[in-house]
Amino acid sequence: MLMKILDNVKGMVGKAVAPKRPLMRVCMMGARGVGKSSTLVSMFHDLNSVNQGTNLQLVAAKDVRRNDNATEEMIIERYKELLNIFTHSDSSELVMNAGLSGDFETKEYHFQFGLKGKKPGIDLQIKDFPGEFIKDFPDDVKGFIDESEAIIIAIDTPHMIEYNGIYCEVKNRCSIITDLMTKVLENLQGDKLILFVPLKCEKYYQEGRMAEVCSAVERCYADLIDFIRKGSAKLHIACAVTPILTVGEIVFKDFIKDKEGNVKTVGEDPMPAKAVYSFVRKGAEYSPQYCEQPLCYLLSFITKLYQRSKSDKSAGFLKKLSAIFKLFPEDPSLLYEVSKFSQKKITNRDGYKIISGSAIL
């Protein structure tokens, strides 16, 4: 079964990215080990399950500049790792690194999407900036944010919620992200989509606490959210909270404790050393939820801007998105399918909330 799935992945990998194809860029920010790569894998693999009734597909693409298939390789390897976790689902719990997993490097992921049975219509580049890189190389991040249509702020939910959120700042780097984002948004040209994406939300979903997750995001990122709502560029920013169940039937249990019963920490800024997760049942399965939602929001954002561009020819965002806006009238079936898929976005349940810019979402 696994080999068949992996063969299908390889069969879905796009050929070299055509240089003239419209490109959408997404900047992804978040701590190491927060679950960003797992989310991308789930988005890729589970898109079809929520995409019934539309004719869109997402494929991994080759990076023509580096001439490699890094995105495909990441998807295959990470997917195997995620499935392997569930081979131990007869046990009661498992321990995962909490503070030191991942690495400091930026990573690029390349996808394409379009109509099934046709050549892909639009390229999607997602660039992952770990929290440490944001702190040490802010100008690099600012540059990519300026080029990007969307910014995803990935949040480690257990660190944000547990123990009254005392480990949120050291893990999620809220103040660093807020400082960087406010500086970028002060000089914003055109329109941006900003998504706060709490990951590893399974426990809180199971316990009916997703509204609490949303409230925690608004509390921990209060300064940034206030700036988005009241800043000079507020009319050009669409912003929402979009939680994700990263793998499904595994829930956070606790951070590992020392002999005295205190949370065991590492690093100069104390961070939990490891986290303990448990399976929700014997025979638990890999079953992520809502991983498609960031893409739903992105496509909704793009289609709303396209509709607005038809009546506002002077809009600044036309310069960046003109290739996509030209593509839509040339391929009305693609616009129709994109619009239909974007309507699957969740807006007012399970911790989802539009913070600003409802007119362009």
Foldseek 3Di string as FASTA:
>chain_A
DLVVVLVVLVVQEAEADDPLFAEAEEEEEWAAPLQPLLLVLCLQPCVVVLQPPFFKHKHFYAHVVVRDRVQSVSSSVVVVVLQVVLVPQQDFKDKFFDHDHGDQDKDKTKMFMFGPPDHGRYIYIYIYGHPVCCVVPVVVSLVSQLLHQEYEQEANQCCLPPPVNPRRCVGTVLVSVLVSVLVSQLPHAAAHEYEYEYEQCQVCVVVVNLQVSLVSVCVSNVSSLVCCCPPPCVQRYWYKYQYKHSFHFKHWDAQDADPVRHQDFDDPPTDRGMTMITGNDRSGGGDMPRSNQVVLQSLLLVLLVLVVCVVVVPGRCCVSCVSVSVVCVVPVSRSVSSNVSSVPHDDDDSNMHTSGDPSSD
